[in-house]
Amino acid sequence: MKTKEKTYTEFTPIGKTYWNDKGVYQTEFNELYKYLVPNCGDAPTIQGELLRVISRLNYDYFNNGNCNVQEVTEEDCYVCGGSGWQEGDDEDEDDVDCSSCGGSCTWETGVEITEYYQRMIDFLKQYSNTQNEIDDLVKFLTDYHHYSRRDLFHEKNEQIYTRLIDKVMQQILTDGKDANKPNTEFNGKA
């Protein structure tokens, strides 16, 4: 009798996450993480680094609101030229806070992914089969600054991270330990 090979095609239901230990592959994720991911620094294998990367991204979203992943880009205010001041309306009136930037001197022009986390996303692009999920994540991270958003932890946003972890876990579990090749980007430093 031939044994049916297990397939990994399930996805975590909306409302459940790996952050709250309810991911569909949570047991496998926890076991593989302990085995493949070092306490600090890059993992020496591709599968270990994939786990480390998705864990770091997931952690920063749920624990920090992506404040370490995102960097706000700014330009000098066009009205005050970056001084924060503008001349008063009357000759006798002192300079006042710029009416355009409120004296902050700059305008937020966009959001970028920090170099440290961009390196992780690039690793995912190179070694995982998750291009659609990565595209969704990058769009989410670069659409707006998250740290002060009240709707940041909405289920649709949580699902971006959960789906990415599900897909990486499906890849690792399907490929098996024989596919766990050395990480050529591993530098052995913490």
Protein backbone atom coordinates (compact mmCIF):
# COMPACT_ATOMS: atom_id res chain seq x y z
CA MET A 1 0.00 0.00 0.00
CA LYS A 2 1.36 3.38 -1.01
CA THR A 3 1.23 6.18 1.56
CA LYS A 4 -0.21 9.46 0.33
CA GLU A 5 2.35 12.25 0.50
CA LYS A 6 1.22 15.20 2.61
CA THR A 7 0.52 18.40 0.70
CA TYR A 8 0.81 21.84 2.21
CA THR A 9 -1.85 24.01 0.66
CA GLU A 10 -3.80 25.36 3.64
CA PHE A 11 -3.89 29.00 4.66
CA THR A 12 -4.42 30.49 8.10
CA PRO A 13 -8.01 31.76 8.50
CA ILE A 14 -8.57 35.51 8.77
CA GLY A 15 -8.35 36.60 12.40
CA LYS A 16 -5.69 34.03 13.28
CA THR A 17 -2.00 34.89 13.02
CA TYR A 18 1.44 33.55 13.80
CA TRP A 19 1.76 36.44 16.25
CA ASN A 20 -1.02 34.96 18.39
CA ASP A 21 0.36 31.41 17.88
CA LYS A 22 -2.58 30.35 15.71
CA GLY A 23 -0.97 30.03 12.28
CA VAL A 24 -1.99 26.95 10.30
CA TYR A 25 1.68 25.79 10.29
CA GLN A 26 2.42 27.12 13.79
CA THR A 27 3.81 23.87 15.20
CA GLU A 28 6.10 23.30 12.22
CA PHE A 29 7.10 26.97 12.21
CA ASN A 30 8.09 26.89 15.90
CA GLU A 31 10.07 23.65 15.53
CA LEU A 32 11.91 24.75 12.40
CA TYR A 33 12.62 28.18 13.87
CA LYS A 34 14.29 26.62 16.93
CA TYR A 35 16.36 24.34 14.71
CA LEU A 36 17.29 26.67 11.83
CA VAL A 37 17.46 30.24 13.18
CA PRO A 38 20.39 31.35 15.37
CA ASN A 39 19.89 33.50 18.46
CA CYS A 40 21.37 36.47 16.61
CA GLY A 41 22.58 37.33 13.14
CA ASP A 42 21.83 35.80 9.77
CA ALA A 43 20.96 32.13 9.48
CA PRO A 44 23.57 29.90 7.79
CA THR A 45 20.98 28.18 5.55
CA ILE A 46 18.44 29.51 3.07
CA GLN A 47 15.46 27.99 4.87
CA GLY A 48 16.71 29.34 8.20
CA GLU A 49 17.16 32.82 6.73
CA LEU A 50 13.68 32.72 5.15
CA LEU A 51 12.25 31.92 8.59
CA ARG A 52 14.34 34.63 10.26
CA VAL A 53 13.30 37.24 7.69
CA ILE A 54 9.57 36.56 7.87
CA SER A 55 9.79 36.46 11.67
CA ARG A 56 11.55 39.84 11.83
CA LEU A 57 9.03 41.46 9.48
CA ASN A 58 6.11 39.94 11.40
CA TYR A 59 7.59 40.99 14.76
CA ASP A 60 8.19 44.59 13.75
CA TYR A 61 4.66 44.92 12.40
CA PHE A 62 2.89 43.48 15.44
CA ASN A 63 5.25 44.80 18.12
CA ASN A 64 6.37 48.15 16.70
CA GLY A 65 3.86 49.17 14.04
CA ASN A 66 6.62 48.96 11.42
CA CYS A 67 8.50 51.89 12.95
CA ASN A 68 11.83 50.13 12.27
CA VAL A 69 10.86 49.05 8.75
CA GLN A 70 9.68 52.40 7.45
CA GLU A 71 11.55 55.63 6.94
CA VAL A 72 9.66 58.83 6.18
CA THR A 73 11.16 60.92 3.40
CA GLU A 74 11.01 64.68 3.76
CA GLU A 75 11.80 67.85 1.82
CA ASP A 76 12.26 71.41 2.99
CA CYS A 77 9.04 73.40 3.12
CA TYR A 78 8.64 75.34 -0.12
CA VAL A 79 7.08 78.36 1.62
CA CYS A 80 9.74 79.05 4.29
CA GLY A 81 12.63 77.31 2.57
CA GLY A 82 13.15 75.08 5.60
CA SER A 83 13.57 77.88 8.17
CA GLY A 84 10.21 77.32 9.86
CA TRP A 85 9.56 81.07 9.84
CA GLN A 86 7.90 83.58 7.61
CA GLU A 87 7.72 87.33 7.84
CA GLY A 88 4.82 88.84 9.73
CA ASP A 89 2.08 90.61 7.78
CA ASP A 90 3.01 94.05 9.10
CA GLU A 91 6.44 95.67 9.14
CA ASP A 92 6.27 95.90 12.95
CA GLU A 93 5.26 92.26 13.40
CA ASP A 94 7.93 89.68 14.27
CA ASP A 95 8.50 86.59 12.18
CA VAL A 96 5.88 83.91 12.78
CA ASP A 97 5.71 80.16 12.36
CA CYS A 98 5.36 79.25 8.72
CA SER A 99 1.69 79.00 7.80
CA SER A 100 2.40 76.07 5.52
CA CYS A 101 4.57 73.72 7.63
CA GLY A 102 3.64 75.12 11.06
CA GLY A 103 7.31 75.76 11.85
CA SER A 104 8.42 72.16 11.39
CA CYS A 105 10.50 73.17 8.33
CA THR A 106 9.75 70.07 6.29
CA TRP A 107 7.02 68.20 4.43
CA GLU A 108 6.62 64.45 4.45
CA THR A 109 6.98 63.35 0.84
CA GLY A 110 6.67 59.59 1.16
CA VAL A 111 7.68 56.40 2.90
CA GLU A 112 10.57 54.08 2.09
CA ILE A 113 11.66 50.74 3.47
CA THR A 114 14.83 51.03 5.54
CA GLU A 115 17.99 49.52 4.10
CA TYR A 116 18.14 46.79 6.77
CA TYR A 117 14.64 45.51 6.03
CA GLN A 118 14.97 46.04 2.27
CA ARG A 119 17.85 43.57 2.37
CA MET A 120 15.48 41.06 3.98
CA ILE A 121 12.79 41.65 1.38
CA ASP A 122 15.37 41.23 -1.37
CA PHE A 123 16.37 37.89 0.17
CA LEU A 124 12.72 36.78 0.13
CA LYS A 125 12.43 37.81 -3.53
CA GLN A 126 15.51 35.80 -4.44
CA TYR A 127 14.86 32.60 -2.48
CA SER A 128 11.11 32.23 -1.98
CA ASN A 129 8.13 31.55 -4.19
CA THR A 130 6.17 34.44 -2.73
CA GLN A 131 6.39 37.23 -5.31
CA ASN A 132 2.70 38.21 -5.08
CA GLU A 133 2.84 38.29 -1.28
CA ILE A 134 6.07 40.32 -1.35
CA ASP A 135 4.47 42.79 -3.78
CA ASP A 136 1.50 43.16 -1.38
CA LEU A 137 3.87 43.70 1.56
CA VAL A 138 5.99 46.30 -0.26
CA LYS A 139 2.86 48.16 -1.39
CA PHE A 140 1.55 48.11 2.19
CA LEU A 141 4.86 49.33 3.60
CA THR A 142 5.33 52.16 1.10
CA ASP A 143 1.74 53.45 0.85
CA TYR A 144 1.79 55.46 4.08
CA HIS A 145 3.58 55.90 7.39
CA HIS A 146 2.17 53.29 9.77
CA TYR A 147 3.42 54.18 13.20
CA SER A 148 0.63 56.59 14.07
CA ARG A 149 -2.22 54.90 12.18
CA ARG A 150 -5.17 53.68 14.23
CA ASP A 151 -6.26 51.18 11.58
CA LEU A 152 -2.82 49.60 11.29
CA PHE A 153 -3.81 46.35 13.01
CA HIS A 154 -6.85 45.65 10.89
CA GLU A 155 -7.34 42.00 9.86
CA LYS A 156 -6.69 42.79 6.19
CA ASN A 157 -3.25 44.17 7.11
CA GLU A 158 -2.48 41.30 9.47
CA GLN A 159 -3.35 38.92 6.65
CA ILE A 160 -0.50 40.30 4.53
CA TYR A 161 2.02 38.97 7.05
CA THR A 162 0.15 35.76 7.83
CA ARG A 163 -0.21 34.86 4.15
CA LEU A 164 3.51 35.52 3.57
CA ILE A 165 4.45 33.21 6.44
CA ASP A 166 1.99 30.55 5.22
CA LYS A 167 3.53 30.62 1.72
CA VAL A 168 7.13 30.45 3.00
CA MET A 169 6.17 27.58 5.30
CA GLN A 170 4.47 25.76 2.41
CA GLN A 171 7.66 26.13 0.39
CA ILE A 172 9.93 24.90 3.20
CA LEU A 173 7.68 21.98 4.12
CA THR A 174 7.18 20.92 0.50
CA ASP A 175 10.87 21.21 -0.44
CA GLY A 176 11.97 19.33 2.68
CA LYS A 177 15.27 19.37 4.49
CA ASP A 178 17.21 18.22 1.41
CA ALA A 179 16.51 21.64 -0.14
CA ASN A 180 18.02 23.48 2.81
CA LYS A 181 21.11 24.83 1.05
CA PRO A 182 23.80 27.05 2.58
CA ASN A 183 23.00 30.75 2.67
CA THR A 184 25.67 32.31 0.47
CA GLU A 185 24.95 35.72 2.02
CA PHE A 186 25.65 34.39 5.53
CA ASN A 187 28.44 36.36 7.13
CA GLY A 188 28.58 34.64 10.52
CA LYS A 189 28.39 37.97 12.36
CA ALA A 190 25.75 38.84 14.90
